[in-house]
Every structure is written in C-alpha cells, then in structure tokens.
PDB file of N, CA and C in Angstrom:
ATOM      1  N   MET A   1      -4.916 -47.172  17.984  1.00  0.00           N
ATOM      2  CA  MET A   1      -5.157 -46.596  16.674  1.00  0.00           C
ATOM      3  C   MET A   1      -6.323 -45.617  16.718  1.00  0.00           C
ATOM      4  N   LYS A   2      -7.381 -45.998  17.490  1.00  0.00           N
ATOM      5  CA  LYS A   2      -8.547 -45.142  17.598  1.00  0.00           C
ATOM      6  C   LYS A   2      -8.201 -43.831  18.296  1.00  0.00           C
ATOM      7  N   SER A   3      -7.329 -43.889  19.314  1.00  0.00           N
ATOM      8  CA  SER A   3      -6.951 -42.669  20.036  1.00  0.00           C
ATOM      9  C   SER A   3      -6.120 -41.743  19.142  1.00  0.00           C
ATOM     10  N   LEU A   4      -5.308 -42.316  18.262  1.00  0.00           N
ATOM     11  CA  LEU A   4      -4.541 -41.512  17.312  1.00  0.00           C
ATOM     12  C   LEU A   4      -5.487 -40.767  16.375  1.00  0.00           C
ATOM     13  N   TRP A   5      -6.527 -41.415  15.939  1.00  0.00           N
ATOM     14  CA  TRP A   5      -7.538 -40.799  15.071  1.00  0.00           C
ATOM     15  C   TRP A   5      -8.228 -39.630  15.783  1.00  0.00           C
ATOM     16  N   ILE A   6      -8.577 -39.822  17.048  1.00  0.00           N
ATOM     17  CA  ILE A   6      -9.243 -38.769  17.829  1.00  0.00           C
ATOM     18  C   ILE A   6      -8.315 -37.572  18.014  1.00  0.00           C
ATOM     19  N   VAL A   7      -7.040 -37.820  18.304  1.00  0.00           N
ATOM     20  CA  VAL A   7      -6.068 -36.737  18.465  1.00  0.00           C
ATOM     21  C   VAL A   7      -5.916 -35.967  17.152  1.00  0.00           C
ATOM     22  N   ALA A   8      -5.871 -36.668  16.033  1.00  0.00           N
ATOM     23  CA  ALA A   8      -5.741 -36.010  14.733  1.00  0.00           C
ATOM     24  C   ALA A   8      -6.949 -35.136  14.429  1.00  0.00           C
ATOM     25  N   VAL A   9      -8.150 -35.611  14.733  1.00  0.00           N
ATOM     26  CA  VAL A   9      -9.367 -34.837  14.496  1.00  0.00           C
ATOM     27  C   VAL A   9      -9.384 -33.585  15.368  1.00  0.00           C
ATOM     28  N   ILE A  10      -8.997 -33.724  16.633  1.00  0.00           N
ATOM     29  CA  ILE A  10      -8.965 -32.572  17.542  1.00  0.00           C
ATOM     30  C   ILE A  10      -7.938 -31.553  17.069  1.00  0.00           C
ATOM     31  N   PHE A  11      -6.778 -32.009  16.633  1.00  0.00           N
ATOM     32  CA  PHE A  11      -5.738 -31.110  16.138  1.00  0.00           C
ATOM     33  C   PHE A  11      -6.203 -30.352  14.907  1.00  0.00           C
ATOM     34  N   MET A  12      -6.831 -31.053  13.974  1.00  0.00           N
ATOM     35  CA  MET A  12      -7.318 -30.401  12.757  1.00  0.00           C
ATOM     36  C   MET A  12      -8.414 -29.398  13.083  1.00  0.00           C
ATOM     37  N   ALA A  13      -9.274 -29.700  14.023  1.00  0.00           N
ATOM     38  CA  ALA A  13     -10.334 -28.773  14.414  1.00  0.00           C
ATOM     39  C   ALA A  13      -9.739 -27.528  15.061  1.00  0.00           C
ATOM     40  N   ALA A  14      -8.706 -27.704  15.862  1.00  0.00           N
ATOM     41  CA  ALA A  14      -8.062 -26.560  16.509  1.00  0.00           C
ATOM     42  C   ALA A  14      -7.406 -25.653  15.478  1.00  0.00           C
ATOM     43  N   CYS A  15      -6.767 -26.231  14.477  1.00  0.00           N
ATOM     44  CA  CYS A  15      -6.120 -25.441  13.427  1.00  0.00           C
ATOM     45  C   CYS A  15      -7.149 -24.703  12.590  1.00  0.00           C
ATOM     46  N   ALA A  16      -8.261 -25.321  12.315  1.00  0.00           N
ATOM     47  CA  ALA A  16      -9.297 -24.707  11.481  1.00  0.00           C
ATOM     48  C   ALA A  16      -9.966 -23.550  12.189  1.00  0.00           C
ATOM     49  N   SER A  17     -10.013 -23.575  13.501  1.00  0.00           N
ATOM     50  CA  SER A  17     -10.700 -22.515  14.224  1.00  0.00           C
ATOM     51  C   SER A  17      -9.757 -21.393  14.664  1.00  0.00           C
ATOM     52  N   ALA A  18      -8.480 -21.486  14.333  1.00  0.00           N
ATOM     53  CA  ALA A  18      -7.530 -20.444  14.720  1.00  0.00           C
ATOM     54  C   ALA A  18      -7.892 -19.127  14.034  1.00  0.00           C
ATOM     55  N   GLU A  19      -7.740 -18.033  14.769  1.00  0.00           N
ATOM     56  CA  GLU A  19      -8.091 -16.720  14.233  1.00  0.00           C
ATOM     57  C   GLU A  19      -7.115 -16.328  13.129  1.00  0.00           C
ATOM     58  N   GLN A  20      -7.633 -15.875  12.016  1.00  0.00           N
ATOM     59  CA  GLN A  20      -6.819 -15.447  10.889  1.00  0.00           C
ATOM     60  C   GLN A  20      -6.758 -13.921  10.884  1.00  0.00           C
ATOM     61  N   LYS A  21      -5.574 -13.376  10.734  1.00  0.00           N
ATOM     62  CA  LYS A  21      -5.411 -11.925  10.686  1.00  0.00           C
ATOM     63  C   LYS A  21      -4.844 -11.546   9.321  1.00  0.00           C
ATOM     64  N   PRO A  22      -5.303 -10.436   8.748  1.00  0.00           N
ATOM     65  CA  PRO A  22      -4.810 -10.027   7.438  1.00  0.00           C
ATOM     66  C   PRO A  22      -3.345  -9.599   7.504  1.00  0.00           C
ATOM     67  N   ASP A  23      -2.626  -9.817   6.399  1.00  0.00           N
ATOM     68  CA  ASP A  23      -1.219  -9.439   6.319  1.00  0.00           C
ATOM     69  C   ASP A  23      -1.057  -7.938   6.127  1.00  0.00           C
ATOM     70  N   LYS A  24      -1.933  -7.335   5.349  1.00  0.00           N
ATOM     71  CA  LYS A  24      -1.784  -5.943   4.968  1.00  0.00           C
ATOM     72  C   LYS A  24      -2.448  -5.022   5.981  1.00  0.00           C
ATOM     73  N   LYS A  25      -1.738  -3.988   6.362  1.00  0.00           N
ATOM     74  CA  LYS A  25      -2.291  -2.986   7.265  1.00  0.00           C
ATOM     75  C   LYS A  25      -2.629  -1.751   6.441  1.00  0.00           C
ATOM     76  N   TRP A  26      -3.795  -1.252   6.635  1.00  0.00           N
ATOM     77  CA  TRP A  26      -4.226  -0.039   5.933  1.00  0.00           C
ATOM     78  C   TRP A  26      -4.312   1.088   6.947  1.00  0.00           C
ATOM     79  N   GLU A  27      -3.835   2.240   6.552  1.00  0.00           N
ATOM     80  CA  GLU A  27      -3.975   3.429   7.372  1.00  0.00           C
ATOM     81  C   GLU A  27      -5.174   4.186   6.825  1.00  0.00           C
ATOM     82  N   VAL A  28      -6.242   4.228   7.585  1.00  0.00           N
ATOM     83  CA  VAL A  28      -7.487   4.810   7.108  1.00  0.00           C
ATOM     84  C   VAL A  28      -7.890   5.982   7.988  1.00  0.00           C
ATOM     85  N   LYS A  29      -8.267   7.073   7.349  1.00  0.00           N
ATOM     86  CA  LYS A  29      -8.830   8.207   8.054  1.00  0.00           C
ATOM     87  C   LYS A  29     -10.252   8.387   7.552  1.00  0.00           C
ATOM     88  N   VAL A  30     -11.177   8.541   8.447  1.00  0.00           N
ATOM     89  CA  VAL A  30     -12.583   8.640   8.082  1.00  0.00           C
ATOM     90  C   VAL A  30     -12.969  10.114   8.002  1.00  0.00           C
ATOM     91  N   THR A  31     -13.751  10.440   7.011  1.00  0.00           N
ATOM     92  CA  THR A  31     -14.248  11.800   6.858  1.00  0.00           C
ATOM     93  C   THR A  31     -15.758  11.779   6.765  1.00  0.00           C
ATOM     94  N   THR A  32     -16.367  12.866   7.183  1.00  0.00           N
ATOM     95  CA  THR A  32     -17.823  12.957   7.075  1.00  0.00           C
ATOM     96  C   THR A  32     -18.226  13.696   5.808  1.00  0.00           C
ATOM     97  N   LYS A  33     -17.275  14.288   5.124  1.00  0.00           N
ATOM     98  CA  LYS A  33     -17.580  15.024   3.901  1.00  0.00           C
ATOM     99  C   LYS A  33     -17.757  14.051   2.747  1.00  0.00           C
ATOM    100  N   GLY A  34     -18.621  14.413   1.819  1.00  0.00           N
ATOM    101  CA  GLY A  34     -18.859  13.562   0.662  1.00  0.00           C
ATOM    102  C   GLY A  34     -18.029  13.968  -0.544  1.00  0.00           C
ATOM    103  N   GLU A  35     -16.828  14.461  -0.317  1.00  0.00           N
ATOM    104  CA  GLU A  35     -15.971  14.909  -1.416  1.00  0.00           C
ATOM    105  C   GLU A  35     -15.537  13.730  -2.279  1.00  0.00           C
ATOM    106  N   PRO A  36     -15.466  13.928  -3.599  1.00  0.00           N
ATOM    107  CA  PRO A  36     -14.922  12.864  -4.440  1.00  0.00           C
ATOM    108  C   PRO A  36     -13.424  12.686  -4.167  1.00  0.00           C
ATOM    109  N   LYS A  37     -12.988  11.459  -4.123  1.00  0.00           N
ATOM    110  CA  LYS A  37     -11.588  11.162  -3.825  1.00  0.00           C
ATOM    111  C   LYS A  37     -10.943  10.451  -5.019  1.00  0.00           C
ATOM    112  N   VAL A  38      -9.641  10.576  -5.129  1.00  0.00           N
ATOM    113  CA  VAL A  38      -8.871   9.915  -6.181  1.00  0.00           C
ATOM    114  C   VAL A  38      -7.611   9.319  -5.565  1.00  0.00           C
ATOM    115  N   TRP A  39      -7.062   8.317  -6.237  1.00  0.00           N
ATOM    116  CA  TRP A  39      -5.775   7.745  -5.842  1.00  0.00           C
ATOM    117  C   TRP A  39      -4.703   8.327  -6.741  1.00  0.00           C
ATOM    118  N   VAL A  40      -3.575   8.737  -6.142  1.00  0.00           N
ATOM    119  CA  VAL A  40      -2.414   9.196  -6.889  1.00  0.00           C
ATOM    120  C   VAL A  40      -1.237   8.306  -6.524  1.00  0.00           C
ATOM    121  N   SER A  41      -0.254   8.260  -7.422  1.00  0.00           N
ATOM    122  CA  SER A  41       0.866   7.332  -7.241  1.00  0.00           C
ATOM    123  C   SER A  41       2.168   7.994  -7.667  1.00  0.00           C
ATOM    124  N   LYS A  42       3.251   7.562  -7.032  1.00  0.00           N
ATOM    125  CA  LYS A  42       4.589   8.051  -7.370  1.00  0.00           C
ATOM    126  C   LYS A  42       5.583   6.927  -7.103  1.00  0.00           C
ATOM    127  N   LEU A  43       6.558   6.734  -7.996  1.00  0.00           N
ATOM    128  CA  LEU A  43       7.595   5.722  -7.777  1.00  0.00           C
ATOM    129  C   LEU A  43       8.369   6.058  -6.502  1.00  0.00           C
ATOM    130  N   ASP A  44       8.682   5.029  -5.722  1.00  0.00           N
ATOM    131  CA  ASP A  44       9.383   5.277  -4.449  1.00  0.00           C
ATOM    132  C   ASP A  44      10.896   5.360  -4.606  1.00  0.00           C
ATOM    133  N   GLY A  45      11.412   5.097  -5.796  1.00  0.00           N
ATOM    134  CA  GLY A  45      12.849   5.220  -6.045  1.00  0.00           C
ATOM    135  C   GLY A  45      13.671   4.011  -5.654  1.00  0.00           C
ATOM    136  N   SER A  46      13.037   2.918  -5.253  1.00  0.00           N
ATOM    137  CA  SER A  46      13.795   1.743  -4.809  1.00  0.00           C
ATOM    138  C   SER A  46      14.465   1.046  -5.994  1.00  0.00           C
ATOM    139  N   LYS A  47      15.607   0.431  -5.709  1.00  0.00           N
ATOM    140  CA  LYS A  47      16.424  -0.247  -6.727  1.00  0.00           C
ATOM    141  C   LYS A  47      16.547  -1.735  -6.406  1.00  0.00           C
ATOM    142  N   GLN A  48      16.628  -2.543  -7.452  1.00  0.00           N
ATOM    143  CA  GLN A  48      16.826  -3.983  -7.281  1.00  0.00           C
ATOM    144  C   GLN A  48      18.192  -4.236  -6.640  1.00  0.00           C
ATOM    145  N   CYS A  49      18.274  -5.239  -5.796  1.00  0.00           N
ATOM    146  CA  CYS A  49      19.494  -5.668  -5.087  1.00  0.00           C
ATOM    147  C   CYS A  49      19.957  -4.648  -4.042  1.00  0.00           C
ATOM    148  N   GLU A  50      19.150  -3.640  -3.769  1.00  0.00           N
ATOM    149  CA  GLU A  50      19.525  -2.628  -2.792  1.00  0.00           C
ATOM    150  C   GLU A  50      18.412  -2.498  -1.751  1.00  0.00           C
ATOM    151  N   PRO A  51      18.481  -3.336  -0.710  1.00  0.00           N
ATOM    152  CA  PRO A  51      17.444  -3.262   0.334  1.00  0.00           C
ATOM    153  C   PRO A  51      17.385  -1.865   0.946  1.00  0.00           C
ATOM    154  N   ASP A  52      16.205  -1.464   1.325  1.00  0.00           N
ATOM    155  CA  ASP A  52      15.985  -0.157   1.959  1.00  0.00           C
ATOM    156  C   ASP A  52      16.436   1.014   1.085  1.00  0.00           C
ATOM    157  N   SER A  53      16.330   0.871  -0.237  1.00  0.00           N
ATOM    158  CA  SER A  53      16.755   1.944  -1.129  1.00  0.00           C
ATOM    159  C   SER A  53      15.629   2.898  -1.490  1.00  0.00           C
ATOM    160  N   ALA A  54      14.426   2.639  -0.998  1.00  0.00           N
ATOM    161  CA  ALA A  54      13.297   3.527  -1.310  1.00  0.00           C
ATOM    162  C   ALA A  54      13.583   4.924  -0.775  1.00  0.00           C
ATOM    163  N   GLN A  55      13.329   5.917  -1.608  1.00  0.00           N
ATOM    164  CA  GLN A  55      13.574   7.303  -1.209  1.00  0.00           C
ATOM    165  C   GLN A  55      12.394   7.898  -0.461  1.00  0.00           C
ATOM    166  N   ILE A  56      11.198   7.338  -0.678  1.00  0.00           N
ATOM    167  CA  ILE A  56      10.023   7.807   0.053  1.00  0.00           C
ATOM    168  C   ILE A  56       9.227   6.606   0.546  1.00  0.00           C
ATOM    169  N   THR A  57       8.560   6.780   1.659  1.00  0.00           N
ATOM    170  CA  THR A  57       7.680   5.752   2.216  1.00  0.00           C
ATOM    171  C   THR A  57       6.247   6.291   2.180  1.00  0.00           C
ATOM    172  N   PRO A  58       5.254   5.406   2.249  1.00  0.00           N
ATOM    173  CA  PRO A  58       3.878   5.905   2.291  1.00  0.00           C
ATOM    174  C   PRO A  58       3.632   6.858   3.466  1.00  0.00           C
ATOM    175  N   GLU A  59       4.192   6.525   4.627  1.00  0.00           N
ATOM    176  CA  GLU A  59       4.013   7.375   5.802  1.00  0.00           C
ATOM    177  C   GLU A  59       4.665   8.746   5.596  1.00  0.00           C
ATOM    178  N   GLY A  60       5.879   8.744   5.050  1.00  0.00           N
ATOM    179  CA  GLY A  60       6.587  10.004   4.789  1.00  0.00           C
ATOM    180  C   GLY A  60       5.885  10.841   3.734  1.00  0.00           C
ATOM    181  N   ALA A  61       5.346  10.185   2.706  1.00  0.00           N
ATOM    182  CA  ALA A  61       4.625  10.907   1.657  1.00  0.00           C
ATOM    183  C   ALA A  61       3.367  11.547   2.218  1.00  0.00           C
ATOM    184  N   ALA A  62       2.652  10.815   3.069  1.00  0.00           N
ATOM    185  CA  ALA A  62       1.435  11.359   3.663  1.00  0.00           C
ATOM    186  C   ALA A  62       1.765  12.568   4.546  1.00  0.00           C
ATOM    187  N   LYS A  63       2.865  12.467   5.258  1.00  0.00           N
ATOM    188  CA  LYS A  63       3.277  13.573   6.132  1.00  0.00           C
ATOM    189  C   LYS A  63       3.651  14.806   5.309  1.00  0.00           C
ATOM    190  N   SER A  64       4.373  14.609   4.204  1.00  0.00           N
ATOM    191  CA  SER A  64       4.757  15.755   3.375  1.00  0.00           C
ATOM    192  C   SER A  64       3.538  16.377   2.693  1.00  0.00           C
ATOM    193  N   MET A  65       2.558  15.555   2.310  1.00  0.00           N
ATOM    194  CA  MET A  65       1.332  16.090   1.713  1.00  0.00           C
ATOM    195  C   MET A  65       0.559  16.904   2.751  1.00  0.00           C
ATOM    196  N   LYS A  66       0.554  16.435   3.978  1.00  0.00           N
ATOM    197  CA  LYS A  66      -0.124  17.172   5.045  1.00  0.00           C
ATOM    198  C   LYS A  66       0.515  18.552   5.211  1.00  0.00           C
ATOM    199  N   GLY A  67       1.841  18.607   5.068  1.00  0.00           N
ATOM    200  CA  GLY A  67       2.554  19.879   5.148  1.00  0.00           C
ATOM    201  C   GLY A  67       2.167  20.843   4.039  1.00  0.00           C
ATOM    202  N   LEU A  68       1.681  20.298   2.917  1.00  0.00           N
ATOM    203  CA  LEU A  68       1.227  21.129   1.800  1.00  0.00           C
ATOM    204  C   LEU A  68      -0.262  21.456   1.901  1.00  0.00           C
ATOM    205  N   GLY A  69      -0.894  20.996   2.968  1.00  0.00           N
ATOM    206  CA  GLY A  69      -2.319  21.257   3.150  1.00  0.00           C
ATOM    207  C   GLY A  69      -3.223  20.263   2.445  1.00  0.00           C
ATOM    208  N   ILE A  70      -2.680  19.098   2.090  1.00  0.00           N
ATOM    209  CA  ILE A  70      -3.461  18.057   1.408  1.00  0.00           C
ATOM    210  C   ILE A  70      -3.769  16.958   2.415  1.00  0.00           C
ATOM    211  N   LEU A  71      -5.057  16.687   2.612  1.00  0.00           N
ATOM    212  CA  LEU A  71      -5.470  15.624   3.522  1.00  0.00           C
ATOM    213  C   LEU A  71      -5.368  14.285   2.797  1.00  0.00           C
ATOM    214  N   VAL A  72      -4.648  13.343   3.392  1.00  0.00           N
ATOM    215  CA  VAL A  72      -4.507  11.996   2.835  1.00  0.00           C
ATOM    216  C   VAL A  72      -5.457  11.084   3.603  1.00  0.00           C
ATOM    217  N   TYR A  73      -6.406  10.486   2.903  1.00  0.00           N
ATOM    218  CA  TYR A  73      -7.399   9.622   3.530  1.00  0.00           C
ATOM    219  C   TYR A  73      -6.851   8.222   3.785  1.00  0.00           C
ATOM    220  N   GLN A  74      -6.084   7.697   2.830  1.00  0.00           N
ATOM    221  CA  GLN A  74      -5.458   6.378   2.962  1.00  0.00           C
ATOM    222  C   GLN A  74      -4.127   6.417   2.232  1.00  0.00           C
ATOM    223  N   PHE A  75      -3.211   5.555   2.643  1.00  0.00           N
ATOM    224  CA  PHE A  75      -1.968   5.389   1.894  1.00  0.00           C
ATOM    225  C   PHE A  75      -1.558   3.934   1.927  1.00  0.00           C
ATOM    226  N   ARG A  76      -0.775   3.549   0.920  1.00  0.00           N
ATOM    227  CA  ARG A  76      -0.329   2.163   0.823  1.00  0.00           C
ATOM    228  C   ARG A  76       0.894   2.104  -0.090  1.00  0.00           C
ATOM    229  N   SER A  77       1.595   0.994  -0.024  1.00  0.00           N
ATOM    230  CA  SER A  77       2.661   0.695  -0.979  1.00  0.00           C
ATOM    231  C   SER A  77       2.035  -0.048  -2.143  1.00  0.00           C
ATOM    232  N   GLY A  78       2.558   0.164  -3.324  1.00  0.00           N
ATOM    233  CA  GLY A  78       2.029  -0.514  -4.504  1.00  0.00           C
ATOM    234  C   GLY A  78       3.143  -0.841  -5.482  1.00  0.00           C
ATOM    235  N   ASN A  79       2.752  -1.166  -6.687  1.00  0.00           N
ATOM    236  CA  ASN A  79       3.691  -1.445  -7.763  1.00  0.00           C
ATOM    237  C   ASN A  79       3.035  -1.006  -9.056  1.00  0.00           C
ATOM    238  N   ASP A  80       3.827  -0.476  -9.982  1.00  0.00           N
ATOM    239  CA  ASP A  80       3.237   0.033 -11.216  1.00  0.00           C
ATOM    240  C   ASP A  80       2.846  -1.075 -12.196  1.00  0.00           C
ATOM    241  N   GLY A  81       3.231  -2.323 -11.922  1.00  0.00           N
ATOM    242  CA  GLY A  81       2.816  -3.449 -12.747  1.00  0.00           C
ATOM    243  C   GLY A  81       3.572  -3.600 -14.052  1.00  0.00           C
ATOM    244  N   MET A  82       4.556  -2.782 -14.292  1.00  0.00           N
ATOM    245  CA  MET A  82       5.329  -2.854 -15.527  1.00  0.00           C
ATOM    246  C   MET A  82       6.436  -3.905 -15.391  1.00  0.00           C
ATOM    247  N   MET A  83       6.761  -4.542 -16.510  1.00  0.00           N
ATOM    248  CA  MET A  83       7.869  -5.510 -16.503  1.00  0.00           C
ATOM    249  C   MET A  83       9.188  -4.756 -16.414  1.00  0.00           C
ATOM    250  N   ARG A  84      10.141  -5.341 -15.735  1.00  0.00           N
ATOM    251  CA  ARG A  84      11.456  -4.732 -15.561  1.00  0.00           C
ATOM    252  C   ARG A  84      12.534  -5.752 -15.901  1.00  0.00           C
ATOM    253  N   THR A  85      13.684  -5.266 -16.350  1.00  0.00           N
ATOM    254  CA  THR A  85      14.825  -6.157 -16.515  1.00  0.00           C
ATOM    255  C   THR A  85      15.307  -6.531 -15.116  1.00  0.00           C
ATOM    256  N   ALA A  86      15.712  -7.763 -14.945  1.00  0.00           N
ATOM    257  CA  ALA A  86      16.197  -8.223 -13.647  1.00  0.00           C
ATOM    258  C   ALA A  86      17.689  -7.970 -13.580  1.00  0.00           C
ATOM    259  N   VAL A  87      18.056  -6.777 -13.154  1.00  0.00           N
ATOM    260  CA  VAL A  87      19.461  -6.397 -13.060  1.00  0.00           C
ATOM    261  C   VAL A  87      19.623  -5.465 -11.856  1.00  0.00           C
ATOM    262  N   CYS A  88      20.673  -5.693 -11.108  1.00  0.00           N
ATOM    263  CA  CYS A  88      20.918  -4.871  -9.936  1.00  0.00           C
ATOM    264  C   CYS A  88      21.052  -3.405 -10.331  1.00  0.00           C
ATOM    265  N   GLY A  89      20.417  -2.544  -9.556  1.00  0.00           N
ATOM    266  CA  GLY A  89      20.470  -1.114  -9.804  1.00  0.00           C
ATOM    267  C   GLY A  89      19.299  -0.583 -10.618  1.00  0.00           C
ATOM    268  N   ALA A  90      18.564  -1.481 -11.263  1.00  0.00           N
ATOM    269  CA  ALA A  90      17.381  -1.049 -12.013  1.00  0.00           C
ATOM    270  C   ALA A  90      16.236  -0.794 -11.038  1.00  0.00           C
ATOM    271  N   GLY A  91      15.299   0.027 -11.438  1.00  0.00           N
ATOM    272  CA  GLY A  91      14.154   0.343 -10.599  1.00  0.00           C
ATOM    273  C   GLY A  91      13.274  -0.877 -10.355  1.00  0.00           C
ATOM    274  N   THR A  92      12.574  -0.868  -9.231  1.00  0.00           N
ATOM    275  CA  THR A  92      11.688  -1.982  -8.889  1.00  0.00           C
ATOM    276  C   THR A  92      10.256  -1.755  -9.365  1.00  0.00           C
ATOM    277  N   GLY A  93       9.894  -0.513  -9.602  1.00  0.00           N
ATOM    278  CA  GLY A  93       8.513  -0.201  -9.963  1.00  0.00           C
ATOM    279  C   GLY A  93       7.607  -0.075  -8.757  1.00  0.00           C
ATOM    280  N   ASN A  94       8.175  -0.135  -7.555  1.00  0.00           N
ATOM    281  CA  ASN A  94       7.371   0.023  -6.350  1.00  0.00           C
ATOM    282  C   ASN A  94       6.913   1.479  -6.225  1.00  0.00           C
ATOM    283  N   THR A  95       5.700   1.654  -5.747  1.00  0.00           N
ATOM    284  CA  THR A  95       5.110   2.987  -5.685  1.00  0.00           C
ATOM    285  C   THR A  95       4.584   3.303  -4.291  1.00  0.00           C
ATOM    286  N   VAL A  96       4.338   4.575  -4.092  1.00  0.00           N
ATOM    287  CA  VAL A  96       3.620   5.084  -2.931  1.00  0.00           C
ATOM    288  C   VAL A  96       2.282   5.563  -3.476  1.00  0.00           C
ATOM    289  N   ASP A  97       1.193   5.022  -2.953  1.00  0.00           N
ATOM    290  CA  ASP A  97      -0.151   5.371  -3.410  1.00  0.00           C
ATOM    291  C   ASP A  97      -0.889   6.094  -2.291  1.00  0.00           C
ATOM    292  N   LEU A  98      -1.521   7.214  -2.640  1.00  0.00           N
ATOM    293  CA  LEU A  98      -2.241   8.018  -1.665  1.00  0.00           C
ATOM    294  C   LEU A  98      -3.659   8.287  -2.151  1.00  0.00           C
ATOM    295  N   GLU A  99      -4.625   8.221  -1.250  1.00  0.00           N
ATOM    296  CA  GLU A  99      -5.982   8.630  -1.588  1.00  0.00           C
ATOM    297  C   GLU A  99      -6.187  10.044  -1.056  1.00  0.00           C
ATOM    298  N   ILE A 100      -6.504  10.955  -1.979  1.00  0.00           N
ATOM    299  CA  ILE A 100      -6.676  12.358  -1.624  1.00  0.00           C
ATOM    300  C   ILE A 100      -7.978  12.878  -2.207  1.00  0.00           C
ATOM    301  N   SER A 101      -8.342  14.076  -1.819  1.00  0.00           N
ATOM    302  CA  SER A 101      -9.526  14.716  -2.379  1.00  0.00           C
ATOM    303  C   SER A 101      -9.232  15.110  -3.832  1.00  0.00           C
ATOM    304  N   GLN A 102     -10.227  14.986  -4.675  1.00  0.00           N
ATOM    305  CA  GLN A 102     -10.051  15.326  -6.086  1.00  0.00           C
ATOM    306  C   GLN A 102      -9.656  16.789  -6.261  1.00  0.00           C
ATOM    307  N   LYS A 103     -10.107  17.651  -5.362  1.00  0.00           N
ATOM    308  CA  LYS A 103      -9.774  19.076  -5.479  1.00  0.00           C
ATOM    309  C   LYS A 103      -8.277  19.340  -5.257  1.00  0.00           C
ATOM    310  N   ASP A 104      -7.552  18.408  -4.630  1.00  0.00           N
ATOM    311  CA  ASP A 104      -6.122  18.558  -4.381  1.00  0.00           C
ATOM    312  C   ASP A 104      -5.256  17.871  -5.444  1.00  0.00           C
ATOM    313  N   LEU A 105      -5.873  17.352  -6.490  1.00  0.00           N
ATOM    314  CA  LEU A 105      -5.137  16.599  -7.510  1.00  0.00           C
ATOM    315  C   LEU A 105      -4.045  17.443  -8.165  1.00  0.00           C
ATOM    316  N   ALA A 106      -4.334  18.673  -8.513  1.00  0.00           N
ATOM    317  CA  ALA A 106      -3.327  19.525  -9.175  1.00  0.00           C
ATOM    318  C   ALA A 106      -2.110  19.747  -8.281  1.00  0.00           C
ATOM    319  N   LYS A 107      -2.342  19.942  -6.968  1.00  0.00           N
ATOM    320  CA  LYS A 107      -1.214  20.118  -6.029  1.00  0.00           C
ATOM    321  C   LYS A 107      -0.357  18.861  -5.984  1.00  0.00           C
ATOM    322  N   ALA A 108      -1.004  17.697  -5.966  1.00  0.00           N
ATOM    323  CA  ALA A 108      -0.266  16.436  -5.920  1.00  0.00           C
ATOM    324  C   ALA A 108       0.520  16.217  -7.213  1.00  0.00           C
ATOM    325  N   GLN A 109      -0.091  16.542  -8.343  1.00  0.00           N
ATOM    326  CA  GLN A 109       0.604  16.384  -9.620  1.00  0.00           C
ATOM    327  C   GLN A 109       1.819  17.315  -9.697  1.00  0.00           C
ATOM    328  N   ALA A 110       1.728  18.470  -9.084  1.00  0.00           N
ATOM    329  CA  ALA A 110       2.869  19.384  -9.042  1.00  0.00           C
ATOM    330  C   ALA A 110       4.028  18.792  -8.235  1.00  0.00           C
ATOM    331  N   GLN A 111       3.725  17.846  -7.346  1.00  0.00           N
ATOM    332  CA  GLN A 111       4.750  17.166  -6.543  1.00  0.00           C
ATOM    333  C   GLN A 111       5.255  15.890  -7.206  1.00  0.00           C
ATOM    334  N   GLY A 112       4.793  15.608  -8.426  1.00  0.00           N
ATOM    335  CA  GLY A 112       5.272  14.442  -9.164  1.00  0.00           C
ATOM    336  C   GLY A 112       4.375  13.222  -9.095  1.00  0.00           C
ATOM    337  N   TYR A 113       3.213  13.324  -8.488  1.00  0.00           N
ATOM    338  CA  TYR A 113       2.269  12.202  -8.424  1.00  0.00           C
ATOM    339  C   TYR A 113       1.443  12.165  -9.687  1.00  0.00           C
ATOM    340  N   ARG A 114       1.020  10.944 -10.049  1.00  0.00           N
ATOM    341  CA  ARG A 114       0.151  10.786 -11.219  1.00  0.00           C
ATOM    342  C   ARG A 114      -1.142  10.139 -10.773  1.00  0.00           C
ATOM    343  N   LEU A 115      -2.202  10.435 -11.489  1.00  0.00           N
ATOM    344  CA  LEU A 115      -3.511   9.894 -11.193  1.00  0.00           C
ATOM    345  C   LEU A 115      -3.536   8.412 -11.522  1.00  0.00           C
ATOM    346  N   LEU A 116      -4.037   7.596 -10.590  1.00  0.00           N
ATOM    347  CA  LEU A 116      -4.220   6.164 -10.868  1.00  0.00           C
ATOM    348  C   LEU A 116      -5.571   5.979 -11.537  1.00  0.00           C
ATOM    349  N   LYS A 117      -5.596   5.352 -12.689  1.00  0.00           N
ATOM    350  CA  LYS A 117      -6.840   5.130 -13.407  1.00  0.00           C
ATOM    351  C   LYS A 117      -7.668   4.028 -12.764  1.00  0.00           C
ATOM    352  N   VAL A 118      -7.023   2.912 -12.417  1.00  0.00           N
ATOM    353  CA  VAL A 118      -7.711   1.793 -11.787  1.00  0.00           C
ATOM    354  C   VAL A 118      -7.582   1.953 -10.294  1.00  0.00           C
ATOM    355  N   GLN A 119      -8.698   2.063  -9.632  1.00  0.00           N
ATOM    356  CA  GLN A 119      -8.675   2.277  -8.186  1.00  0.00           C
ATOM    357  C   GLN A 119      -9.330   1.115  -7.492  1.00  0.00           C
ATOM    358  N   ASN A 120      -8.687   0.608  -6.448  1.00  0.00           N
ATOM    359  CA  ASN A 120      -9.253  -0.487  -5.660  1.00  0.00           C
ATOM    360  C   ASN A 120      -8.986  -0.311  -4.210  1.00  0.00           C
TER     361      ASN A 120
END
C-alpha cells in the first residue's frame, strides 16, 4: 500500500512539472518605429455546416495587404461576438484581424476592413 502511495505521488509530480505550451500561435513582426498601430477586422466569409468555407485566411489577408504596401505587424483569427441563428449556410461571424499602422487605416478600409474599437 505504501509503495502505491509513493508511485502516485511521483506520477502527480511528473504531471505537474510537464512543460505547458500555448494553444494559440501569433505571427509577430517587430518594428523599431514608434508609429501608432490599430487593429482592423473583416469577416472571413465562413458558413455554418461548411468546413473550410472561409474565403480569406489571416495569412492570405496579410499577404494581400503587403501587396498594397501595407505592413501587417500581427494577424490572427477572431470572431465578431455577435449572436447568430444556428442554421446551416448562415455566417459564422469569424473574422480576420490585422494590426497595421494607423496611417494605413484608410487603405485598409477601402479593402473592406473596419476599425476594431476594443484592442487586445
């Protein structure tokens, strides 16, 4: 019985010390300029019950912005937080979020992006 207790303690200690890795991967580009930055967002076009239906990805959006001369500092997938009816074919509210320089905001808005008010 005592050996079972020792094995349990060792097992629990091993589990507690296991390295934890974050689930989310961030694509970060570092700049030395002190330019003000903003987050912009655009619906990705994905539909409920339709896997892989997103029309744009964060990586693809960043690449297209680069083609327009807009430097993307970070990008991520998000959600607009709005309630949706649960029906196949309806939008999911999933978004592509990009961090760009504030001076490029008008160019991004011309591409259909909107300014995110709450930034994190």
